[in-house]
């Protein structure tokens, strides 16, 4: 089925094949780390923040890892699942392909893909060694992003859009993003994205930057 979700949530065209939850090895570890991020207030929804909309998402590459750009499949939390404290396999989508030019995503599973799927895809396209991406909302880090030396996307690059994905290519080429493995979304309040080769590396980096940001208060 093809569709475009309401403004403010998903901004790409999604071709989704409804089906059973994805059966991939990363799902258990992804569920654990997603709950940790929820407990830290970096993922959530249903409250007073952002009008009750869900915020934050997490993904992990699935095998085979050596696929071409635009086809580096990954498991990602489903759209508007932020309000759940814990997720199960039914809350995930398997993104099979993504295309910045046509602003489209092809996915399978019981849930629609997260609004940031194009952004995750753009990060994975940078290297097959990138296996995990966490997009969180961390006001402390975002507020001090410049002081912390965190690369930032342009203010006019909207979240979940092909413009955001394209701006990431600029950051990878013009900044130390490839080494730092964390960036801020200037046009998406509180939005921070961190990536790396393992879930522990990505989660640990987020906590490290959260501590540095809090020390600047």
Protein backbone atom coordinates (compact mmCIF):
# COMPACT_ATOMS: atom_id res chain seq x y z
CA UNK A 1 0.00 0.00 0.00
CA UNK A 2 1.17 3.53 -0.74
CA UNK A 3 0.43 6.49 1.48
CA UNK A 4 1.63 9.69 3.04
CA UNK A 5 0.96 10.11 6.75
CA UNK A 6 -0.25 13.33 8.33
CA UNK A 7 1.97 16.39 8.39
CA UNK A 8 4.21 16.47 11.42
CA UNK A 9 4.75 12.72 11.50
CA UNK A 10 5.84 10.84 8.34
CA UNK A 11 6.88 12.93 5.34
CA UNK A 12 7.87 10.28 2.83
CA UNK A 13 5.90 7.91 0.62
CA UNK A 14 5.86 4.43 2.09
CA UNK A 15 5.26 1.20 0.23
CA UNK A 16 4.50 -1.24 3.02
CA UNK A 17 3.81 -4.94 2.82
CA UNK A 18 1.79 -5.83 5.96
CA UNK A 19 2.96 -9.01 7.58
CA UNK A 20 4.22 -10.72 10.72
CA UNK A 21 6.90 -9.17 12.93
CA UNK A 22 10.39 -9.31 11.44
CA UNK A 23 12.38 -12.31 12.64
CA UNK A 24 15.88 -10.87 12.93
CA UNK A 25 18.61 -11.35 15.51
CA UNK A 26 18.93 -7.66 16.42
CA UNK A 27 15.38 -7.21 17.67
CA UNK A 28 16.00 -8.23 21.30
CA UNK A 29 18.99 -5.93 21.76
CA UNK A 30 17.16 -3.12 20.00
CA UNK A 31 14.20 -3.52 22.38
CA UNK A 32 16.50 -3.38 25.42
CA UNK A 33 18.30 -0.23 24.31
CA UNK A 34 15.09 1.43 23.25
CA UNK A 35 13.70 0.91 26.79
CA UNK A 36 16.89 2.39 28.27
CA UNK A 37 16.48 5.49 26.09
CA UNK A 38 12.84 5.73 27.16
CA UNK A 39 13.86 5.60 30.83
CA UNK A 40 16.38 8.40 30.17
CA UNK A 41 13.61 10.55 28.68
CA UNK A 42 15.24 10.51 25.25
CA UNK A 43 12.36 8.60 23.63
CA UNK A 44 8.73 9.00 24.60
CA UNK A 45 5.31 10.27 23.68
CA UNK A 46 1.77 10.81 24.87
CA UNK A 47 2.65 13.54 27.39
CA UNK A 48 2.86 17.31 27.21
CA UNK A 49 6.06 17.37 25.13
CA UNK A 50 5.58 18.01 21.42
CA UNK A 51 1.80 17.99 21.65
CA UNK A 52 1.68 14.37 22.74
CA UNK A 53 3.31 13.05 19.56
CA UNK A 54 5.85 10.27 19.86
CA UNK A 55 9.50 11.25 19.61
CA UNK A 56 12.75 9.38 19.11
CA UNK A 57 13.48 6.11 17.31
CA UNK A 58 16.15 3.46 17.01
CA UNK A 59 17.32 1.12 14.29
CA UNK A 60 19.78 -1.67 13.54
CA UNK A 61 21.16 -3.07 10.27
CA UNK A 62 20.20 -6.59 9.30
CA UNK A 63 22.20 -9.09 7.26
CA UNK A 64 23.61 -9.11 4.64
CA UNK A 65 25.65 -6.02 5.47
CA UNK A 66 27.34 -5.58 2.09
CA UNK A 67 24.32 -4.40 0.09
CA UNK A 68 24.46 -1.32 -2.12
CA UNK A 69 23.39 2.15 -1.00
CA UNK A 70 19.64 2.58 -0.80
CA UNK A 71 19.20 -1.13 -0.10
CA UNK A 72 20.99 -1.50 3.23
CA UNK A 73 18.05 -3.04 5.05
CA UNK A 74 17.46 -2.15 8.68
CA UNK A 75 15.03 -2.82 11.49
CA UNK A 76 13.46 0.33 12.93
CA UNK A 77 10.93 1.23 15.59
CA UNK A 78 7.48 1.85 14.15
CA UNK A 79 5.92 5.26 13.68
CA UNK A 80 4.25 6.71 16.79
CA UNK A 81 5.37 3.97 19.16
CA UNK A 82 7.15 6.44 21.44
CA UNK A 83 4.53 6.28 24.18
CA UNK A 84 5.21 2.60 24.90
CA UNK A 85 7.64 1.93 27.72
CA UNK A 86 8.64 -1.40 26.21
CA UNK A 87 8.31 -2.59 22.65
CA UNK A 88 7.71 -6.02 21.21
CA UNK A 89 8.40 -7.42 17.73
CA UNK A 90 4.99 -6.14 16.61
CA UNK A 91 6.18 -2.54 17.03
CA UNK A 92 8.91 -2.70 14.36
CA UNK A 93 9.23 -2.31 10.62
CA UNK A 94 11.84 -3.81 8.34
CA UNK A 95 12.97 -1.13 5.89
CA UNK A 96 14.08 -2.96 2.77
CA UNK A 97 14.87 -0.01 0.48
CA UNK A 98 14.84 3.79 0.55
CA UNK A 99 15.34 6.48 -2.06
CA UNK A 100 16.14 10.13 -1.35
CA UNK A 101 15.36 11.32 -4.88
CA UNK A 102 11.79 9.98 -4.85
CA UNK A 103 11.33 10.55 -1.09
CA UNK A 104 10.18 6.95 -0.66
CA UNK A 105 10.65 3.94 1.61
CA UNK A 106 9.76 0.29 1.08
CA UNK A 107 9.08 -1.67 4.25
CA UNK A 108 7.51 -4.85 5.58
CA UNK A 109 6.00 -5.87 8.88
CA UNK A 110 3.15 -5.03 11.24
CA UNK A 111 4.02 -1.36 11.76
CA UNK A 112 4.66 1.60 9.51
CA UNK A 113 8.30 2.70 9.46
CA UNK A 114 9.46 5.53 11.69
CA UNK A 115 9.23 9.10 10.39
CA UNK A 116 13.04 9.28 10.41
CA UNK A 117 13.62 6.23 8.21
CA UNK A 118 15.17 8.29 5.38
CA UNK A 119 17.59 9.86 7.86
CA UNK A 120 18.61 6.44 9.18
CA UNK A 121 19.07 5.22 5.62
CA UNK A 122 21.28 8.20 4.77
CA UNK A 123 23.50 7.39 7.77
CA UNK A 124 23.77 3.71 6.84
CA UNK A 125 24.70 4.68 3.28
CA UNK A 126 27.90 6.26 4.62
CA UNK A 127 29.49 2.94 5.53
CA UNK A 128 28.53 -0.75 5.83
CA UNK A 129 30.34 -0.69 9.18
CA UNK A 130 27.61 1.52 10.66
CA UNK A 131 25.19 -0.95 12.24
CA UNK A 132 23.12 1.06 14.76
CA UNK A 133 21.45 4.48 14.74
CA UNK A 134 19.66 6.12 17.68
CA UNK A 135 17.62 9.30 17.13
CA UNK A 136 16.70 10.84 20.47
CA UNK A 137 15.36 14.06 21.88
CA UNK A 138 17.86 15.42 24.39
CA UNK A 139 17.22 19.10 25.24
CA UNK A 140 20.46 19.45 27.23
CA UNK A 141 22.67 18.15 24.40
CA UNK A 142 20.76 20.09 21.74
CA UNK A 143 20.98 23.38 23.67
CA UNK A 144 24.77 23.04 24.08
CA UNK A 145 25.44 21.43 20.68
CA UNK A 146 27.67 24.25 19.44
CA UNK A 147 29.70 24.45 22.65
CA UNK A 148 30.17 20.67 22.53
CA UNK A 149 31.37 20.83 18.94
CA UNK A 150 28.54 18.67 17.60
CA UNK A 151 27.99 19.00 13.82
CA UNK A 152 24.53 20.33 13.01
CA UNK A 153 22.22 20.13 10.03
CA UNK A 154 20.87 23.30 8.45
CA UNK A 155 17.83 24.87 10.18
CA UNK A 156 15.75 24.54 7.00
CA UNK A 157 16.35 20.79 6.70
CA UNK A 158 13.10 19.38 8.08
CA UNK A 159 13.07 16.15 10.06
CA UNK A 160 12.13 13.02 8.16
CA UNK A 161 12.60 14.68 4.78
CA UNK A 162 14.85 14.00 1.81
CA UNK A 163 16.38 17.45 2.45
CA UNK A 164 17.54 16.23 5.87
CA UNK A 165 19.01 13.10 4.30
CA UNK A 166 20.86 15.15 1.67
CA UNK A 167 22.21 17.54 4.29
CA UNK A 168 23.77 14.60 6.08
CA UNK A 169 25.98 13.99 3.05
CA UNK A 170 27.20 17.58 3.44
CA UNK A 171 27.99 17.02 7.12
CA UNK A 172 29.93 13.84 6.41
CA UNK A 173 31.97 15.70 3.81
CA UNK A 174 32.54 19.02 5.57
CA UNK A 175 32.75 18.18 9.30
CA UNK A 176 34.28 15.61 11.66
CA UNK A 177 30.99 13.71 11.81
CA UNK A 178 32.53 10.46 10.60
CA UNK A 179 34.80 10.48 13.65
CA UNK A 180 32.43 12.04 16.21
CA UNK A 181 29.45 9.88 15.20
CA UNK A 182 26.90 12.30 16.62
CA UNK A 183 25.01 15.21 15.06
CA UNK A 184 22.23 17.62 15.95
CA UNK A 185 19.17 18.55 13.92
CA UNK A 186 19.08 22.34 14.03
CA UNK A 187 15.60 22.48 12.49
CA UNK A 188 14.16 19.77 14.72
CA UNK A 189 13.99 20.90 18.35
CA UNK A 190 16.01 18.69 20.70
CA UNK A 191 16.81 16.19 17.92
CA UNK A 192 20.13 14.35 18.30
CA UNK A 193 21.33 11.38 16.24
CA UNK A 194 24.16 9.04 17.22
CA UNK A 195 25.48 6.04 15.30
CA UNK A 196 28.17 3.39 15.38
CA UNK A 197 29.12 -0.23 15.03
CA UNK A 198 27.40 -1.56 18.16
CA UNK A 199 24.43 -0.66 20.32
CA UNK A 200 26.64 -0.27 23.38
CA UNK A 201 28.93 2.14 21.57
CA UNK A 202 26.02 4.32 20.41
CA UNK A 203 24.19 4.29 23.73
CA UNK A 204 27.38 4.99 25.67
CA UNK A 205 28.23 7.94 23.46
CA UNK A 206 24.80 9.48 24.03
CA UNK A 207 25.17 9.17 27.80
CA UNK A 208 28.68 10.65 27.61
CA UNK A 209 27.42 13.71 25.72
CA UNK A 210 24.44 14.03 28.06
CA UNK A 211 26.83 14.22 31.02
CA UNK A 212 29.01 16.82 29.28
CA UNK A 213 25.94 18.90 28.45
CA UNK A 214 24.58 18.75 31.99
CA UNK A 215 27.93 19.88 33.38
CA UNK A 216 27.52 23.10 31.34
CA UNK A 217 24.28 24.07 33.07
